[in-house]
Each structure stands twice: as structure tokens, then as C-alpha cells.
Amino acid sequence: YDELLDADEVFVCGTAAEVTPVDELDDRVYGDNRVGRELAQQ
């Protein structure tokens, strides 16, 4: 879990969720989520 907090981006995926960047994890706010957004488009 502490690695997630220290990551640059976090995203989740599933049939319904598709590829979806995570904006916040508990008190951690992520930034632009560029990789997640580009992957969602792909």
C-alpha cells in the first residue's frame, strides 16, 4: 500500500471500469495521470 502512495499514478481496470485513472487514494492526491489517460484512449 505504501508503494501506491509513493507512485506517480494509479489506475484501475475492469470490464465495467475499463481503464480509469485514480484521482485520490485516501489523503494522497495524484497529478495529471498522463499514462493512465493515454492508456484509456488506447
PDB file of all heavy atoms in Angstrom:
ATOM      1  N   TYR A   1       0.823  -1.212   0.000  1.00  0.00           N
ATOM      2  CA  TYR A   1       0.000   0.000   0.000  1.00  0.00           C
ATOM      3  C   TYR A   1       0.853   1.257   0.000  1.00  0.00           C
ATOM      4  O   TYR A   1       0.559   2.225  -0.713  1.00  0.00           O
ATOM      5  CB  TYR A   1      -0.926  -0.023   1.220  1.00  0.00           C
ATOM      6  CG  TYR A   1      -1.661   1.271   1.474  1.00  0.00           C
ATOM      7  CD1 TYR A   1      -2.641   1.717   0.593  1.00  0.00           C
ATOM      8  CD2 TYR A   1      -1.378   2.038   2.606  1.00  0.00           C
ATOM      9  CE1 TYR A   1      -3.321   2.901   0.829  1.00  0.00           C
ATOM     10  CE2 TYR A   1      -2.060   3.218   2.855  1.00  0.00           C
ATOM     11  CZ  TYR A   1      -3.029   3.651   1.964  1.00  0.00           C
ATOM     12  OH  TYR A   1      -3.698   4.826   2.198  1.00  0.00           O
ATOM     13  N   ASP A   2       1.966   1.243   0.754  1.00  0.00           N
ATOM     14  CA  ASP A   2       2.802   2.456   0.790  1.00  0.00           C
ATOM     15  C   ASP A   2       3.466   2.734  -0.557  1.00  0.00           C
ATOM     16  O   ASP A   2       3.790   3.879  -0.867  1.00  0.00           O
ATOM     17  CB  ASP A   2       3.833   2.399   1.922  1.00  0.00           C
ATOM     18  CG  ASP A   2       4.710   1.159   1.881  1.00  0.00           C
ATOM     19  OD1 ASP A   2       4.710   0.450   0.853  1.00  0.00           O
ATOM     20  OD2 ASP A   2       5.407   0.893   2.879  1.00  0.00           O
ATOM     21  N   GLU A   3       3.654   1.694  -1.378  1.00  0.00           N
ATOM     22  CA  GLU A   3       4.173   1.919  -2.727  1.00  0.00           C
ATOM     23  C   GLU A   3       3.154   2.660  -3.586  1.00  0.00           C
ATOM     24  O   GLU A   3       3.516   3.496  -4.421  1.00  0.00           O
ATOM     25  CB  GLU A   3       4.526   0.591  -3.391  1.00  0.00           C
ATOM     26  CG  GLU A   3       5.750  -0.104  -2.841  1.00  0.00           C
ATOM     27  CD  GLU A   3       6.088  -1.332  -3.662  1.00  0.00           C
ATOM     28  OE1 GLU A   3       6.681  -1.177  -4.752  1.00  0.00           O
ATOM     29  OE2 GLU A   3       5.731  -2.445  -3.230  1.00  0.00           O
ATOM     30  N   LEU A   4       1.876   2.347  -3.391  1.00  0.00           N
ATOM     31  CA  LEU A   4       0.834   3.069  -4.132  1.00  0.00           C
ATOM     32  C   LEU A   4       0.840   4.545  -3.770  1.00  0.00           C
ATOM     33  O   LEU A   4       0.690   5.414  -4.632  1.00  0.00           O
ATOM     34  CB  LEU A   4      -0.555   2.490  -3.831  1.00  0.00           C
ATOM     35  CG  LEU A   4      -1.022   1.234  -4.544  1.00  0.00           C
ATOM     36  CD1 LEU A   4      -2.529   1.084  -4.364  1.00  0.00           C
ATOM     37  CD2 LEU A   4      -0.664   1.242  -6.011  1.00  0.00           C
ATOM     38  N   LEU A   5       0.988   4.823  -2.492  1.00  0.00           N
ATOM     39  CA  LEU A   5       1.010   6.215  -2.052  1.00  0.00           C
ATOM     40  C   LEU A   5       2.202   6.968  -2.637  1.00  0.00           C
ATOM     41  O   LEU A   5       2.138   8.180  -2.861  1.00  0.00           O
ATOM     42  CB  LEU A   5       1.057   6.284  -0.525  1.00  0.00           C
ATOM     43  CG  LEU A   5      -0.172   5.762   0.222  1.00  0.00           C
ATOM     44  CD1 LEU A   5       0.057   5.835   1.729  1.00  0.00           C
ATOM     45  CD2 LEU A   5      -1.425   6.551  -0.164  1.00  0.00           C
ATOM     46  N   ASP A   6       3.293   6.255  -2.907  1.00  0.00           N
ATOM     47  CA  ASP A   6       4.506   6.870  -3.416  1.00  0.00           C
ATOM     48  C   ASP A   6       4.570   6.864  -4.946  1.00  0.00           C
ATOM     49  O   ASP A   6       5.501   7.398  -5.540  1.00  0.00           O
ATOM     50  CB  ASP A   6       5.725   6.119  -2.851  1.00  0.00           C
ATOM     51  CG  ASP A   6       7.009   6.922  -2.982  1.00  0.00           C
ATOM     52  OD1 ASP A   6       6.961   8.157  -2.786  1.00  0.00           O
ATOM     53  OD2 ASP A   6       8.048   6.324  -3.301  1.00  0.00           O
ATOM     54  N   ALA A   7       3.559   6.255  -5.597  1.00  0.00           N
ATOM     55  CA  ALA A   7       3.569   6.144  -7.059  1.00  0.00           C
ATOM     56  C   ALA A   7       3.265   7.490  -7.711  1.00  0.00           C
ATOM     57  O   ALA A   7       2.680   8.393  -7.101  1.00  0.00           O
ATOM     58  CB  ALA A   7       2.545   5.111  -7.501  1.00  0.00           C
ATOM     59  N   ASP A   8       3.648   7.612  -8.974  1.00  0.00           N
ATOM     60  CA  ASP A   8       3.314   8.815  -9.743  1.00  0.00           C
ATOM     61  C   ASP A   8       1.851   8.792 -10.177  1.00  0.00           C
ATOM     62  O   ASP A   8       1.192   9.833 -10.233  1.00  0.00           O
ATOM     63  CB  ASP A   8       4.212   8.914 -10.986  1.00  0.00           C
ATOM     64  CG  ASP A   8       5.689   9.016 -10.629  1.00  0.00           C
ATOM     65  OD1 ASP A   8       6.003   9.672  -9.620  1.00  0.00           O
ATOM     66  OD2 ASP A   8       6.507   8.432 -11.363  1.00  0.00           O
ATOM     67  N   GLU A   9       1.372   7.602 -10.516  1.00  0.00           N
ATOM     68  CA  GLU A   9      -0.024   7.430 -10.936  1.00  0.00           C
ATOM     69  C   GLU A   9      -0.527   6.087 -10.435  1.00  0.00           C
ATOM     70  O   GLU A   9       0.242   5.144 -10.240  1.00  0.00           O
ATOM     71  CB  GLU A   9      -0.161   7.424 -12.466  1.00  0.00           C
ATOM     72  CG  GLU A   9       0.258   8.675 -13.180  1.00  0.00           C
ATOM     73  CD  GLU A   9       0.025   8.566 -14.690  1.00  0.00           C
ATOM     74  OE1 GLU A   9      -0.986   7.938 -15.105  1.00  0.00           O
ATOM     75  OE2 GLU A   9       0.857   9.097 -15.447  1.00  0.00           O
ATOM     76  N   VAL A  10      -1.841   6.016 -10.270  1.00  0.00           N
ATOM     77  CA  VAL A  10      -2.531   4.763 -10.010  1.00  0.00           C
ATOM     78  C   VAL A  10      -3.756   4.730 -10.917  1.00  0.00           C
ATOM     79  O   VAL A  10      -4.438   5.743 -11.081  1.00  0.00           O
ATOM     80  CB  VAL A  10      -2.970   4.638  -8.531  1.00  0.00           C
ATOM     81  CG1 VAL A  10      -3.862   3.414  -8.327  1.00  0.00           C
ATOM     82  CG2 VAL A  10      -1.751   4.565  -7.616  1.00  0.00           C
ATOM     83  N   PHE A  11      -3.993   3.592 -11.544  1.00  0.00           N
ATOM     84  CA  PHE A  11      -5.238   3.442 -12.291  1.00  0.00           C
ATOM     85  C   PHE A  11      -5.803   2.057 -12.049  1.00  0.00           C
ATOM     86  O   PHE A  11      -5.097   1.141 -11.621  1.00  0.00           O
ATOM     87  CB  PHE A  11      -5.053   3.730 -13.786  1.00  0.00           C
ATOM     88  CG  PHE A  11      -4.127   2.807 -14.526  1.00  0.00           C
ATOM     89  CD1 PHE A  11      -4.584   1.615 -15.082  1.00  0.00           C
ATOM     90  CD2 PHE A  11      -2.790   3.144 -14.710  1.00  0.00           C
ATOM     91  CE1 PHE A  11      -3.734   0.771 -15.780  1.00  0.00           C
ATOM     92  CE2 PHE A  11      -1.927   2.306 -15.414  1.00  0.00           C
ATOM     93  CZ  PHE A  11      -2.404   1.117 -15.951  1.00  0.00           C
ATOM     94  N   VAL A  12      -7.097   1.928 -12.277  1.00  0.00           N
ATOM     95  CA  VAL A  12      -7.776   0.647 -12.109  1.00  0.00           C
ATOM     96  C   VAL A  12      -8.358   0.223 -13.443  1.00  0.00           C
ATOM     97  O   VAL A  12      -8.555   1.051 -14.343  1.00  0.00           O
ATOM     98  CB  VAL A  12      -8.881   0.722 -11.038  1.00  0.00           C
ATOM     99  CG1 VAL A  12      -8.294   1.072  -9.673  1.00  0.00           C
ATOM    100  CG2 VAL A  12      -9.955   1.724 -11.424  1.00  0.00           C
ATOM    101  N   CYS A  13      -8.629  -1.067 -13.572  1.00  0.00           N
ATOM    102  CA  CYS A  13      -9.219  -1.547 -14.819  1.00  0.00           C
ATOM    103  C   CYS A  13     -10.134  -2.725 -14.550  1.00  0.00           C
ATOM    104  O   CYS A  13      -9.953  -3.491 -13.602  1.00  0.00           O
ATOM    105  CB  CYS A  13      -8.128  -1.927 -15.818  1.00  0.00           C
ATOM    106  SG  CYS A  13      -7.214  -3.418 -15.403  1.00  0.00           S
ATOM    107  N   GLY A  14     -11.144  -2.842 -15.390  1.00  0.00           N
ATOM    108  CA  GLY A  14     -12.106  -3.932 -15.315  1.00  0.00           C
ATOM    109  C   GLY A  14     -13.073  -3.793 -16.469  1.00  0.00           C
ATOM    110  O   GLY A  14     -13.070  -2.778 -17.173  1.00  0.00           O
ATOM    111  N   THR A  15     -13.901  -4.784 -16.663  1.00  0.00           N
ATOM    112  CA  THR A  15     -14.852  -4.735 -17.777  1.00  0.00           C
ATOM    113  C   THR A  15     -15.721  -3.496 -17.716  1.00  0.00           C
ATOM    114  O   THR A  15     -15.915  -2.806 -18.719  1.00  0.00           O
ATOM    115  CB  THR A  15     -15.732  -5.997 -17.779  1.00  0.00           C
ATOM    116  OG1 THR A  15     -14.899  -7.137 -18.029  1.00  0.00           O
ATOM    117  CG2 THR A  15     -16.796  -5.921 -18.854  1.00  0.00           C
ATOM    118  N   ALA A  16     -16.264  -3.202 -16.547  1.00  0.00           N
ATOM    119  CA  ALA A  16     -17.120  -2.018 -16.405  1.00  0.00           C
ATOM    120  C   ALA A  16     -16.294  -0.750 -16.278  1.00  0.00           C
ATOM    121  O   ALA A  16     -16.598   0.277 -16.883  1.00  0.00           O
ATOM    122  CB  ALA A  16     -18.042  -2.177 -15.199  1.00  0.00           C
ATOM    123  N   ALA A  17     -15.221  -0.800 -15.491  1.00  0.00           N
ATOM    124  CA  ALA A  17     -14.388   0.390 -15.256  1.00  0.00           C
ATOM    125  C   ALA A  17     -13.532   0.738 -16.459  1.00  0.00           C
ATOM    126  O   ALA A  17     -13.041   1.861 -16.566  1.00  0.00           O
ATOM    127  CB  ALA A  17     -13.498   0.167 -14.039  1.00  0.00           C
ATOM    128  N   GLU A  18     -13.326  -0.224 -17.371  1.00  0.00           N
ATOM    129  CA  GLU A  18     -12.389  -0.068 -18.487  1.00  0.00           C
ATOM    130  C   GLU A  18     -11.016   0.299 -17.908  1.00  0.00           C
ATOM    131  O   GLU A  18     -10.528  -0.395 -17.029  1.00  0.00           O
ATOM    132  CB  GLU A  18     -12.929   0.948 -19.501  1.00  0.00           C
ATOM    133  CG  GLU A  18     -14.257   0.491 -20.108  1.00  0.00           C
ATOM    134  CD  GLU A  18     -14.875   1.486 -21.058  1.00  0.00           C
ATOM    135  OE1 GLU A  18     -14.885   2.696 -20.745  1.00  0.00           O
ATOM    136  OE2 GLU A  18     -15.373   1.046 -22.110  1.00  0.00           O
ATOM    137  N   VAL A  19     -10.383   1.374 -18.365  1.00  0.00           N
ATOM    138  CA  VAL A  19      -9.134   1.853 -17.762  1.00  0.00           C
ATOM    139  C   VAL A  19      -9.423   3.232 -17.185  1.00  0.00           C
ATOM    140  O   VAL A  19      -9.751   4.167 -17.922  1.00  0.00           O
ATOM    141  CB  VAL A  19      -7.987   1.931 -18.786  1.00  0.00           C
ATOM    142  CG1 VAL A  19      -6.732   2.512 -18.128  1.00  0.00           C
ATOM    143  CG2 VAL A  19      -7.700   0.550 -19.375  1.00  0.00           C
ATOM    144  N   THR A  20      -9.332   3.353 -15.875  1.00  0.00           N
ATOM    145  CA  THR A  20      -9.738   4.587 -15.205  1.00  0.00           C
ATOM    146  C   THR A  20      -8.671   5.079 -14.229  1.00  0.00           C
ATOM    147  O   THR A  20      -8.347   4.385 -13.260  1.00  0.00           O
ATOM    148  CB  THR A  20     -11.054   4.363 -14.421  1.00  0.00           C
ATOM    149  OG1 THR A  20     -12.076   3.915 -15.307  1.00  0.00           O
ATOM    150  CG2 THR A  20     -11.503   5.648 -13.746  1.00  0.00           C
ATOM    151  N   PRO A  21      -8.084   6.259 -14.485  1.00  0.00           N
ATOM    152  CA  PRO A  21      -7.105   6.820 -13.542  1.00  0.00           C
ATOM    153  C   PRO A  21      -7.747   7.136 -12.194  1.00  0.00           C
ATOM    154  O   PRO A  21      -8.918   7.524 -12.119  1.00  0.00           O
ATOM    155  CB  PRO A  21      -6.645   8.103 -14.242  1.00  0.00           C
ATOM    156  CG  PRO A  21      -6.953   7.898 -15.690  1.00  0.00           C
ATOM    157  CD  PRO A  21      -8.206   7.074 -15.708  1.00  0.00           C
ATOM    158  N   VAL A  22      -6.978   6.965 -11.138  1.00  0.00           N
ATOM    159  CA  VAL A  22      -7.425   7.294  -9.780  1.00  0.00           C
ATOM    160  C   VAL A  22      -6.950   8.699  -9.447  1.00  0.00           C
ATOM    161  O   VAL A  22      -5.762   9.019  -9.597  1.00  0.00           O
ATOM    162  CB  VAL A  22      -6.875   6.268  -8.770  1.00  0.00           C
ATOM    163  CG1 VAL A  22      -7.142   6.723  -7.325  1.00  0.00           C
ATOM    164  CG2 VAL A  22      -7.486   4.896  -9.020  1.00  0.00           C
ATOM    165  N   ASP A  23      -7.857   9.545  -9.002  1.00  0.00           N
ATOM    166  CA  ASP A  23      -7.511  10.922  -8.642  1.00  0.00           C
ATOM    167  C   ASP A  23      -6.941  11.028  -7.231  1.00  0.00           C
ATOM    168  O   ASP A  23      -6.001  11.780  -6.991  1.00  0.00           O
ATOM    169  CB  ASP A  23      -8.747  11.818  -8.764  1.00  0.00           C
ATOM    170  CG  ASP A  23      -9.269  11.884 -10.181  1.00  0.00           C
ATOM    171  OD1 ASP A  23      -8.639  12.545 -11.006  1.00  0.00           O
ATOM    172  OD2 ASP A  23     -10.300  11.245 -10.462  1.00  0.00           O
ATOM    173  N   GLU A  24      -7.553  10.258  -6.301  1.00  0.00           N
ATOM    174  CA  GLU A  24      -7.124  10.322  -4.907  1.00  0.00           C
ATOM    175  C   GLU A  24      -7.145   8.928  -4.292  1.00  0.00           C
ATOM    176  O   GLU A  24      -8.026   8.131  -4.594  1.00  0.00           O
ATOM    177  CB  GLU A  24      -8.062  11.230  -4.090  1.00  0.00           C
ATOM    178  CG  GLU A  24      -8.139  12.665  -4.567  1.00  0.00           C
ATOM    179  CD  GLU A  24      -9.145  13.479  -3.771  1.00  0.00           C
ATOM    180  OE1 GLU A  24      -9.276  13.207  -2.559  1.00  0.00           O
ATOM    181  OE2 GLU A  24      -9.803  14.349  -4.352  1.00  0.00           O
ATOM    182  N   LEU A  25      -6.178   8.672  -3.428  1.00  0.00           N
ATOM    183  CA  LEU A  25      -6.143   7.459  -2.622  1.00  0.00           C
ATOM    184  C   LEU A  25      -5.987   7.885  -1.173  1.00  0.00           C
ATOM    185  O   LEU A  25      -4.931   8.381  -0.769  1.00  0.00           O
ATOM    186  CB  LEU A  25      -4.979   6.558  -3.047  1.00  0.00           C
ATOM    187  CG  LEU A  25      -4.693   5.351  -2.146  1.00  0.00           C
ATOM    188  CD1 LEU A  25      -5.923   4.462  -2.010  1.00  0.00           C
ATOM    189  CD2 LEU A  25      -3.506   4.554  -2.678  1.00  0.00           C
ATOM    190  N   ASP A  26      -7.072   7.727  -0.419  1.00  0.00           N
ATOM    191  CA  ASP A  26      -7.118   8.264   0.938  1.00  0.00           C
ATOM    192  C   ASP A  26      -6.732   9.744   0.891  1.00  0.00           C
ATOM    193  O   ASP A  26      -7.395  10.521   0.251  1.00  0.00           O
ATOM    194  CB  ASP A  26      -6.244   7.434   1.884  1.00  0.00           C
ATOM    195  CG  ASP A  26      -6.871   6.051   2.147  1.00  0.00           C
ATOM    196  OD1 ASP A  26      -8.106   5.958   2.151  1.00  0.00           O
ATOM    197  OD2 ASP A  26      -6.127   5.086   2.332  1.00  0.00           O
ATOM    198  N   ASP A  27      -5.623  10.148   1.532  1.00  0.00           N
ATOM    199  CA  ASP A  27      -5.244  11.565   1.536  1.00  0.00           C
ATOM    200  C   ASP A  27      -4.256  11.920   0.428  1.00  0.00           C
ATOM    201  O   ASP A  27      -3.835  13.077   0.310  1.00  0.00           O
ATOM    202  CB  ASP A  27      -4.620  11.944   2.886  1.00  0.00           C
ATOM    203  CG  ASP A  27      -5.620  11.844   4.031  1.00  0.00           C
ATOM    204  OD1 ASP A  27      -6.816  12.102   3.781  1.00  0.00           O
ATOM    205  OD2 ASP A  27      -5.199  11.496   5.147  1.00  0.00           O
ATOM    206  N   ARG A  28      -3.882  10.950  -0.393  1.00  0.00           N
ATOM    207  CA  ARG A  28      -2.910  11.187  -1.464  1.00  0.00           C
ATOM    208  C   ARG A  28      -3.645  11.629  -2.725  1.00  0.00           C
ATOM    209  O   ARG A  28      -4.558  10.951  -3.204  1.00  0.00           O
ATOM    210  CB  ARG A  28      -2.132   9.899  -1.732  1.00  0.00           C
ATOM    211  CG  ARG A  28      -1.277   9.916  -3.014  1.00  0.00           C
ATOM    212  CD  ARG A  28      -0.021  10.773  -2.845  1.00  0.00           C
ATOM    213  NE  ARG A  28       1.000  10.398  -3.806  1.00  0.00           N
ATOM    214  CZ  ARG A  28       1.187  10.992  -4.992  1.00  0.00           C
ATOM    215  NH1 ARG A  28       0.398  11.999  -5.367  1.00  0.00           N
ATOM    216  NH2 ARG A  28       2.149  10.577  -5.795  1.00  0.00           N
ATOM    217  N   VAL A  29      -3.259  12.794  -3.253  1.00  0.00           N
ATOM    218  CA  VAL A  29      -3.840  13.325  -4.489  1.00  0.00           C
ATOM    219  C   VAL A  29      -2.812  13.164  -5.602  1.00  0.00           C
ATOM    220  O   VAL A  29      -1.669  13.598  -5.460  1.00  0.00           O
ATOM    221  CB  VAL A  29      -4.234  14.809  -4.342  1.00  0.00           C
ATOM    222  CG1 VAL A  29      -4.791  15.343  -5.654  1.00  0.00           C
ATOM    223  CG2 VAL A  29      -5.245  14.980  -3.217  1.00  0.00           C
ATOM    224  N   TYR A  30      -3.228  12.516  -6.691  1.00  0.00           N
ATOM    225  CA  TYR A  30      -2.319  12.306  -7.818  1.00  0.00           C
ATOM    226  C   TYR A  30      -2.432  13.465  -8.800  1.00  0.00           C
ATOM    227  O   TYR A  30      -3.363  14.245  -8.768  1.00  0.00           O
ATOM    228  CB  TYR A  30      -2.614  10.971  -8.498  1.00  0.00           C
ATOM    229  CG  TYR A  30      -2.360   9.792  -7.583  1.00  0.00           C
ATOM    230  CD1 TYR A  30      -3.404   9.195  -6.891  1.00  0.00           C
ATOM    231  CD2 TYR A  30      -1.067   9.322  -7.373  1.00  0.00           C
ATOM    232  CE1 TYR A  30      -3.174   8.129  -6.027  1.00  0.00           C
ATOM    233  CE2 TYR A  30      -0.814   8.266  -6.507  1.00  0.00           C
ATOM    234  CZ  TYR A  30      -1.878   7.677  -5.832  1.00  0.00           C
ATOM    235  OH  TYR A  30      -1.638   6.646  -4.965  1.00  0.00           O
ATOM    236  N   GLY A  31      -1.482  13.537  -9.701  1.00  0.00           N
ATOM    237  CA  GLY A  31      -1.401  14.677 -10.609  1.00  0.00           C
ATOM    238  C   GLY A  31      -2.126  14.474 -11.917  1.00  0.00           C
ATOM    239  O   GLY A  31      -3.306  14.120 -11.952  1.00  0.00           O
ATOM    240  N   ASP A  32      -1.404  14.625 -13.011  1.00  0.00           N
ATOM    241  CA  ASP A  32      -2.004  14.660 -14.342  1.00  0.00           C
ATOM    242  C   ASP A  32      -2.486  13.302 -14.820  1.00  0.00           C
ATOM    243  O   ASP A  32      -3.379  13.213 -15.655  1.00  0.00           O
ATOM    244  CB  ASP A  32      -0.960  15.220 -15.332  1.00  0.00           C
ATOM    245  CG  ASP A  32      -1.511  15.302 -16.744  1.00  0.00           C
ATOM    246  OD1 ASP A  32      -2.597  15.888 -16.924  1.00  0.00           O
ATOM    247  OD2 ASP A  32      -0.873  14.766 -17.657  1.00  0.00           O
ATOM    248  N   ASN A  33      -1.911  12.202 -14.318  1.00  0.00           N
ATOM    249  CA  ASN A  33      -2.290  10.842 -14.741  1.00  0.00           C
ATOM    250  C   ASN A  33      -2.156  10.652 -16.252  1.00  0.00           C
ATOM    251  O   ASN A  33      -3.012  10.042 -16.899  1.00  0.00           O
ATOM    252  CB  ASN A  33      -3.718  10.511 -14.300  1.00  0.00           C
ATOM    253  CG  ASN A  33      -3.856  10.419 -12.794  1.00  0.00           C
ATOM    254  OD1 ASN A  33      -3.014   9.825 -12.123  1.00  0.00           O
ATOM    255  ND2 ASN A  33      -4.909  11.006 -12.251  1.00  0.00           N
ATOM    256  N   ARG A  34      -1.067  11.137 -16.813  1.00  0.00           N
ATOM    257  CA  ARG A  34      -0.895  11.106 -18.269  1.00  0.00           C
ATOM    258  C   ARG A  34      -0.883   9.687 -18.821  1.00  0.00           C
ATOM    259  O   ARG A  34      -1.546   9.386 -19.816  1.00  0.00           O
ATOM    260  CB  ARG A  34       0.411  11.807 -18.652  1.00  0.00           C
ATOM    261  CG  ARG A  34       0.705  11.792 -20.161  1.00  0.00           C
ATOM    262  CD  ARG A  34       2.085  12.341 -20.465  1.00  0.00           C
ATOM    263  NE  ARG A  34       3.136  11.575 -19.832  1.00  0.00           N
ATOM    264  CZ  ARG A  34       3.629  10.433 -20.326  1.00  0.00           C
ATOM    265  NH1 ARG A  34       3.156   9.939 -21.451  1.00  0.00           N
ATOM    266  NH2 ARG A  34       4.596   9.799 -19.690  1.00  0.00           N
ATOM    267  N   VAL A  35      -0.133   8.796 -18.173  1.00  0.00           N
ATOM    268  CA  VAL A  35      -0.029   7.419 -18.668  1.00  0.00           C
ATOM    269  C   VAL A  35      -1.397   6.738 -18.635  1.00  0.00           C
ATOM    270  O   VAL A  35      -1.806   6.078 -19.597  1.00  0.00           O
ATOM    271  CB  VAL A  35       0.996   6.618 -17.838  1.00  0.00           C
ATOM    272  CG1 VAL A  35       0.985   5.139 -18.243  1.00  0.00           C
ATOM    273  CG2 VAL A  35       2.389   7.201 -18.000  1.00  0.00           C
ATOM    274  N   GLY A  36      -2.120   6.914 -17.534  1.00  0.00           N
ATOM    275  CA  GLY A  36      -3.448   6.317 -17.426  1.00  0.00           C
ATOM    276  C   GLY A  36      -4.414   6.845 -18.466  1.00  0.00           C
ATOM    277  O   GLY A  36      -5.187   6.086 -19.062  1.00  0.00           O
ATOM    278  N   ARG A  37      -4.372   8.149 -18.719  1.00  0.00           N
ATOM    279  CA  ARG A  37      -5.273   8.741 -19.712  1.00  0.00           C
ATOM    280  C   ARG A  37      -4.949   8.241 -21.119  1.00  0.00           C
ATOM    281  O   ARG A  37      -5.848   7.914 -21.899  1.00  0.00           O
ATOM    282  CB  ARG A  37      -5.188  10.264 -19.657  1.00  0.00           C
ATOM    283  CG  ARG A  37      -5.847  10.883 -18.425  1.00  0.00           C
ATOM    284  CD  ARG A  37      -5.924  12.392 -18.512  1.00  0.00           C
ATOM    285  NE  ARG A  37      -4.601  13.014 -18.488  1.00  0.00           N
ATOM    286  CZ  ARG A  37      -3.958  13.494 -19.538  1.00  0.00           C
ATOM    287  NH1 ARG A  37      -4.515  13.429 -20.752  1.00  0.00           N
ATOM    288  NH2 ARG A  37      -2.760  14.051 -19.425  1.00  0.00           N
ATOM    289  N   GLU A  38      -3.671   8.166 -21.444  1.00  0.00           N
ATOM    290  CA  GLU A  38      -3.288   7.695 -22.773  1.00  0.00           C
ATOM    291  C   GLU A  38      -3.646   6.221 -22.961  1.00  0.00           C
ATOM    292  O   GLU A  38      -4.083   5.812 -24.042  1.00  0.00           O
ATOM    293  CB  GLU A  38      -1.791   7.919 -22.992  1.00  0.00           C
ATOM    294  CG  GLU A  38      -1.422   9.395 -23.115  1.00  0.00           C
ATOM    295  CD  GLU A  38       0.076   9.604 -23.294  1.00  0.00           C
ATOM    296  OE1 GLU A  38       0.830   8.590 -23.231  1.00  0.00           O
ATOM    297  OE2 GLU A  38       0.491  10.768 -23.483  1.00  0.00           O
ATOM    298  N   LEU A  39      -3.475   5.445 -21.904  1.00  0.00           N
ATOM    299  CA  LEU A  39      -3.815   4.031 -21.988  1.00  0.00           C
ATOM    300  C   LEU A  39      -5.331   3.840 -22.125  1.00  0.00           C
ATOM    301  O   LEU A  39      -5.791   2.958 -22.854  1.00  0.00           O
ATOM    302  CB  LEU A  39      -3.293   3.285 -20.761  1.00  0.00           C
ATOM    303  CG  LEU A  39      -3.528   1.782 -20.728  1.00  0.00           C
ATOM    304  CD1 LEU A  39      -2.934   1.108 -21.959  1.00  0.00           C
ATOM    305  CD2 LEU A  39      -2.944   1.180 -19.455  1.00  0.00           C
ATOM    306  N   ALA A  40      -6.102   4.681 -21.434  1.00  0.00           N
ATOM    307  CA  ALA A  40      -7.556   4.614 -21.560  1.00  0.00           C
ATOM    308  C   ALA A  40      -7.990   4.876 -22.994  1.00  0.00           C
ATOM    309  O   ALA A  40      -8.906   4.215 -23.517  1.00  0.00           O
ATOM    310  CB  ALA A  40      -8.210   5.623 -20.610  1.00  0.00           C
ATOM    311  N   GLN A  41      -7.333   5.803 -23.650  1.00  0.00           N
ATOM    312  CA  GLN A  41      -7.649   6.102 -25.057  1.00  0.00           C
ATOM    313  C   GLN A  41      -7.244   4.940 -25.964  1.00  0.00           C
ATOM    314  O   GLN A  41      -7.980   4.571 -26.892  1.00  0.00           O
ATOM    315  CB  GLN A  41      -6.936   7.384 -25.476  1.00  0.00           C
ATOM    316  CG  GLN A  41      -7.461   8.628 -24.765  1.00  0.00           C
ATOM    317  CD  GLN A  41      -6.571   9.846 -24.976  1.00  0.00           C
ATOM    318  OE1 GLN A  41      -5.563   9.781 -25.686  1.00  0.00           O
ATOM    319  NE2 GLN A  41      -6.929  10.960 -24.354  1.00  0.00           N
ATOM    320  N   GLN A  42      -6.091   4.361 -25.694  1.00  0.00           N
ATOM    321  CA  GLN A  42      -5.657   3.205 -26.481  1.00  0.00           C
ATOM    322  C   GLN A  42      -6.632   2.043 -26.312  1.00  0.00           C
ATOM    323  O   GLN A  42      -6.957   1.342 -27.284  1.00  0.00           O
ATOM    324  CB  GLN A  42      -4.251   2.768 -26.057  1.00  0.00           C
ATOM    325  CG  GLN A  42      -3.716   1.580 -26.851  1.00  0.00           C
ATOM    326  CD  GLN A  42      -2.367   1.093 -26.354  1.00  0.00           C
ATOM    327  OE1 GLN A  42      -1.862   1.556 -25.317  1.00  0.00           O
ATOM    328  NE2 GLN A  42      -1.763   0.164 -27.074  1.00  0.00           N
TER     329      GLN A  42
END
